Amino acid sequence: MEENNEFDDYDPVKDTADWAEKLLGKIHTFEDGDKLEVVQVKRRDTGPWITYHVHQGPGIPRKMVMMAEEFDVTYGHLFGLRDAETK
């Protein structure tokens, strides 16, 4: 008899992309006026990637790309990702 496991349908790429896509369009503004803006979430074979802009001062924003898991570890607390997990 086969045991039903609650993690049988777990797909790390899809499940990670689901929370990452909730960040799309979000902006975090620091006290000094600098901003992080999430502009794209793209699913790739290696997992989801987040494209974000770093606004510093009056210049053109820098476009940065990071794997979603790394973005979560580095900037997740700024966007309330940890708060959402505990609720």
N, C-alpha and C. Protein backbone atom coordinates (compact mmCIF):
# COMPACT_ATOMS: atom_id res chain seq x y z
N MET A 1 0.84 -1.18 0.00
CA MET A 1 0.00 0.00 0.00
C MET A 1 0.89 1.25 0.00
N GLU A 2 0.57 2.17 -0.89
CA GLU A 2 1.37 3.38 -1.02
C GLU A 2 0.92 4.44 -0.02
N GLU A 3 1.90 5.03 0.64
CA GLU A 3 1.60 6.05 1.64
C GLU A 3 1.48 7.40 0.94
N ASN A 4 0.45 8.18 1.31
CA ASN A 4 0.25 9.50 0.73
C ASN A 4 1.09 10.52 1.50
N ASN A 5 2.02 11.12 0.83
CA ASN A 5 2.91 12.09 1.45
C ASN A 5 2.48 13.49 1.03
N GLU A 6 2.37 14.42 1.98
CA GLU A 6 1.91 15.77 1.67
C GLU A 6 2.88 16.53 0.77
N PHE A 7 4.11 16.03 0.62
CA PHE A 7 5.11 16.71 -0.20
C PHE A 7 5.25 16.07 -1.58
N ASP A 8 4.40 15.11 -1.92
CA ASP A 8 4.50 14.44 -3.22
C ASP A 8 4.36 15.41 -4.38
N ASP A 9 3.53 16.43 -4.23
CA ASP A 9 3.31 17.36 -5.33
C ASP A 9 4.18 18.62 -5.22
N TYR A 10 5.19 18.59 -4.36
CA TYR A 10 6.08 19.74 -4.17
C TYR A 10 6.97 19.92 -5.38
N ASP A 11 6.96 21.09 -5.93
CA ASP A 11 7.82 21.44 -7.06
C ASP A 11 8.61 22.68 -6.65
N PRO A 12 9.90 22.53 -6.35
CA PRO A 12 10.66 23.66 -5.82
C PRO A 12 10.69 24.87 -6.74
N VAL A 13 10.73 24.65 -8.05
CA VAL A 13 10.75 25.78 -8.96
C VAL A 13 9.42 26.51 -8.94
N LYS A 14 8.31 25.76 -9.05
CA LYS A 14 6.99 26.39 -9.06
C LYS A 14 6.67 27.04 -7.73
N ASP A 15 6.91 26.33 -6.62
CA ASP A 15 6.56 26.86 -5.31
C ASP A 15 7.39 28.09 -4.96
N THR A 16 8.67 28.10 -5.31
CA THR A 16 9.51 29.27 -5.06
C THR A 16 9.05 30.42 -5.94
N ALA A 17 8.71 30.11 -7.19
CA ALA A 17 8.27 31.16 -8.11
C ALA A 17 6.98 31.80 -7.63
N ASP A 18 6.11 31.03 -6.99
CA ASP A 18 4.85 31.58 -6.50
C ASP A 18 5.09 32.71 -5.51
N TRP A 19 5.94 32.50 -4.50
CA TRP A 19 6.18 33.59 -3.55
C TRP A 19 7.01 34.70 -4.19
N ALA A 20 7.91 34.34 -5.10
CA ALA A 20 8.74 35.36 -5.75
C ALA A 20 7.88 36.28 -6.61
N GLU A 21 6.88 35.73 -7.28
CA GLU A 21 6.02 36.55 -8.14
C GLU A 21 5.20 37.55 -7.33
N LYS A 22 4.98 37.28 -6.07
CA LYS A 22 4.27 38.23 -5.22
C LYS A 22 5.09 39.51 -4.99
N LEU A 23 6.39 39.43 -5.23
CA LEU A 23 7.27 40.59 -5.07
C LEU A 23 7.23 41.54 -6.27
N LEU A 24 6.71 41.06 -7.39
CA LEU A 24 6.71 41.84 -8.62
C LEU A 24 6.04 43.19 -8.42
N GLY A 25 6.76 44.25 -8.75
CA GLY A 25 6.24 45.61 -8.61
C GLY A 25 6.45 46.23 -7.24
N LYS A 26 6.96 45.45 -6.29
CA LYS A 26 7.19 45.97 -4.93
C LYS A 26 8.43 46.86 -4.91
N ILE A 27 8.37 47.89 -4.06
CA ILE A 27 9.48 48.82 -3.89
C ILE A 27 9.77 48.97 -2.41
N HIS A 28 11.04 48.89 -2.05
CA HIS A 28 11.46 49.20 -0.68
C HIS A 28 12.29 50.48 -0.75
N THR A 29 11.90 51.47 0.06
CA THR A 29 12.63 52.74 0.11
C THR A 29 13.38 52.82 1.43
N PHE A 30 14.67 53.06 1.34
CA PHE A 30 15.50 53.20 2.53
C PHE A 30 15.38 54.62 3.08
N GLU A 31 15.87 54.82 4.29
CA GLU A 31 15.78 56.12 4.96
C GLU A 31 16.44 57.24 4.16
N ASP A 32 17.51 56.92 3.43
CA ASP A 32 18.23 57.93 2.67
C ASP A 32 17.64 58.19 1.28
N GLY A 33 16.52 57.52 0.97
CA GLY A 33 15.85 57.73 -0.31
C GLY A 33 16.21 56.72 -1.38
N ASP A 34 17.25 55.92 -1.16
CA ASP A 34 17.60 54.86 -2.12
C ASP A 34 16.47 53.84 -2.15
N LYS A 35 16.31 53.16 -3.30
CA LYS A 35 15.20 52.22 -3.45
C LYS A 35 15.65 50.92 -4.11
N LEU A 36 14.95 49.84 -3.77
CA LEU A 36 15.04 48.57 -4.48
C LEU A 36 13.66 48.34 -5.09
N GLU A 37 13.60 48.08 -6.38
CA GLU A 37 12.34 47.86 -7.07
C GLU A 37 12.40 46.54 -7.83
N VAL A 38 11.50 45.61 -7.52
CA VAL A 38 11.44 44.33 -8.22
C VAL A 38 10.67 44.54 -9.52
N VAL A 39 11.33 44.27 -10.65
CA VAL A 39 10.72 44.55 -11.94
C VAL A 39 10.38 43.30 -12.76
N GLN A 40 10.95 42.14 -12.39
CA GLN A 40 10.67 40.93 -13.16
C GLN A 40 11.00 39.69 -12.36
N VAL A 41 10.17 38.65 -12.54
CA VAL A 41 10.47 37.32 -12.01
C VAL A 41 10.39 36.37 -13.19
N LYS A 42 11.49 35.66 -13.44
CA LYS A 42 11.55 34.77 -14.59
C LYS A 42 11.87 33.36 -14.12
N ARG A 43 11.07 32.40 -14.57
CA ARG A 43 11.33 30.99 -14.26
C ARG A 43 12.30 30.42 -15.28
N ARG A 44 13.37 29.82 -14.76
CA ARG A 44 14.37 29.17 -15.60
C ARG A 44 14.55 27.74 -15.11
N ASP A 45 15.30 26.96 -15.85
CA ASP A 45 15.54 25.57 -15.45
C ASP A 45 16.21 25.47 -14.09
N THR A 46 17.02 26.46 -13.75
CA THR A 46 17.73 26.45 -12.47
C THR A 46 16.89 27.02 -11.33
N GLY A 47 15.69 27.48 -11.65
CA GLY A 47 14.81 28.08 -10.65
C GLY A 47 14.45 29.49 -11.03
N PRO A 48 13.65 30.14 -10.22
CA PRO A 48 13.25 31.52 -10.53
C PRO A 48 14.36 32.53 -10.28
N TRP A 49 14.41 33.54 -11.11
CA TRP A 49 15.38 34.63 -10.99
C TRP A 49 14.61 35.93 -10.87
N ILE A 50 15.13 36.85 -10.07
CA ILE A 50 14.49 38.14 -9.84
C ILE A 50 15.37 39.23 -10.45
N THR A 51 14.74 40.07 -11.25
CA THR A 51 15.41 41.25 -11.79
C THR A 51 14.91 42.44 -10.98
N TYR A 52 15.84 43.24 -10.50
CA TYR A 52 15.45 44.40 -9.70
C TYR A 52 16.33 45.59 -10.04
N HIS A 53 15.81 46.77 -9.77
CA HIS A 53 16.54 48.00 -10.01
C HIS A 53 16.98 48.59 -8.68
N VAL A 54 18.20 49.09 -8.65
CA VAL A 54 18.73 49.78 -7.47
C VAL A 54 18.80 51.26 -7.84
N HIS A 55 17.98 52.06 -7.16
CA HIS A 55 17.95 53.51 -7.38
C HIS A 55 18.80 54.17 -6.30
N GLN A 56 19.86 54.83 -6.71
CA GLN A 56 20.72 55.56 -5.76
C GLN A 56 20.93 56.96 -6.30
N GLY A 57 20.35 57.93 -5.62
CA GLY A 57 20.50 59.32 -6.05
C GLY A 57 19.74 59.59 -7.33
N PRO A 58 20.14 60.68 -8.02
CA PRO A 58 19.39 61.12 -9.19
C PRO A 58 19.75 60.40 -10.49
N GLY A 59 20.70 59.49 -10.46
CA GLY A 59 21.16 58.84 -11.69
C GLY A 59 20.22 57.75 -12.18
N ILE A 60 20.65 57.09 -13.24
CA ILE A 60 19.91 55.99 -13.83
C ILE A 60 20.02 54.77 -12.91
N PRO A 61 18.90 54.06 -12.65
CA PRO A 61 18.97 52.89 -11.77
C PRO A 61 19.82 51.77 -12.37
N ARG A 62 20.47 51.01 -11.48
CA ARG A 62 21.25 49.84 -11.92
C ARG A 62 20.33 48.64 -11.98
N LYS A 63 20.42 47.89 -13.07
CA LYS A 63 19.64 46.67 -13.24
C LYS A 63 20.45 45.50 -12.70
N MET A 64 19.87 44.75 -11.76
CA MET A 64 20.55 43.62 -11.14
C MET A 64 19.67 42.37 -11.30
N VAL A 65 20.31 41.20 -11.36
CA VAL A 65 19.61 39.93 -11.47
C VAL A 65 20.17 38.98 -10.43
N MET A 66 19.28 38.28 -9.72
CA MET A 66 19.71 37.37 -8.65
C MET A 66 18.73 36.20 -8.57
N MET A 67 19.23 35.02 -8.23
CA MET A 67 18.33 33.88 -8.01
C MET A 67 17.38 34.22 -6.86
N ALA A 68 16.14 33.74 -6.95
CA ALA A 68 15.12 34.08 -5.97
C ALA A 68 15.53 33.69 -4.55
N GLU A 69 16.14 32.53 -4.38
CA GLU A 69 16.54 32.10 -3.03
C GLU A 69 17.58 33.04 -2.45
N GLU A 70 18.54 33.47 -3.26
CA GLU A 70 19.56 34.40 -2.81
C GLU A 70 18.94 35.77 -2.50
N PHE A 71 17.99 36.20 -3.33
CA PHE A 71 17.29 37.47 -3.09
C PHE A 71 16.55 37.40 -1.76
N ASP A 72 15.90 36.28 -1.51
CA ASP A 72 15.18 36.08 -0.25
C ASP A 72 16.11 36.21 0.95
N VAL A 73 17.26 35.57 0.89
CA VAL A 73 18.22 35.62 1.99
C VAL A 73 18.77 37.04 2.17
N THR A 74 19.04 37.72 1.05
CA THR A 74 19.67 39.03 1.10
C THR A 74 18.69 40.16 1.40
N TYR A 75 17.54 40.16 0.72
CA TYR A 75 16.62 41.28 0.82
C TYR A 75 15.21 40.92 1.30
N GLY A 76 14.96 39.64 1.53
CA GLY A 76 13.61 39.20 1.88
C GLY A 76 13.01 39.93 3.07
N HIS A 77 13.83 40.20 4.08
CA HIS A 77 13.33 40.89 5.28
C HIS A 77 12.84 42.30 4.97
N LEU A 78 13.37 42.93 3.93
CA LEU A 78 12.94 44.27 3.56
C LEU A 78 11.55 44.29 2.94
N PHE A 79 11.15 43.17 2.35
CA PHE A 79 9.87 43.07 1.67
C PHE A 79 8.85 42.27 2.49
N GLY A 80 9.18 41.97 3.75
CA GLY A 80 8.23 41.29 4.62
C GLY A 80 8.06 39.81 4.33
N LEU A 81 9.02 39.19 3.66
CA LEU A 81 8.88 37.76 3.36
C LEU A 81 8.89 36.91 4.64
N ARG A 82 9.67 37.27 5.59
CA ARG A 82 9.73 36.51 6.85
C ARG A 82 8.43 36.67 7.64
N ASP A 83 7.85 37.87 7.59
CA ASP A 83 6.58 38.12 8.30
C ASP A 83 5.47 37.25 7.72
N ALA A 84 5.45 37.10 6.40
CA ALA A 84 4.41 36.30 5.75
C ALA A 84 4.52 34.83 6.12
N GLU A 85 5.75 34.32 6.32
CA GLU A 85 5.94 32.92 6.67
C GLU A 85 5.45 32.60 8.07
N THR A 86 5.54 33.56 8.99
CA THR A 86 5.17 33.32 10.37
C THR A 86 3.69 33.50 10.64
N LYS A 87 2.94 34.04 9.67
CA LYS A 87 1.50 34.27 9.86
C LYS A 87 0.69 33.08 9.41
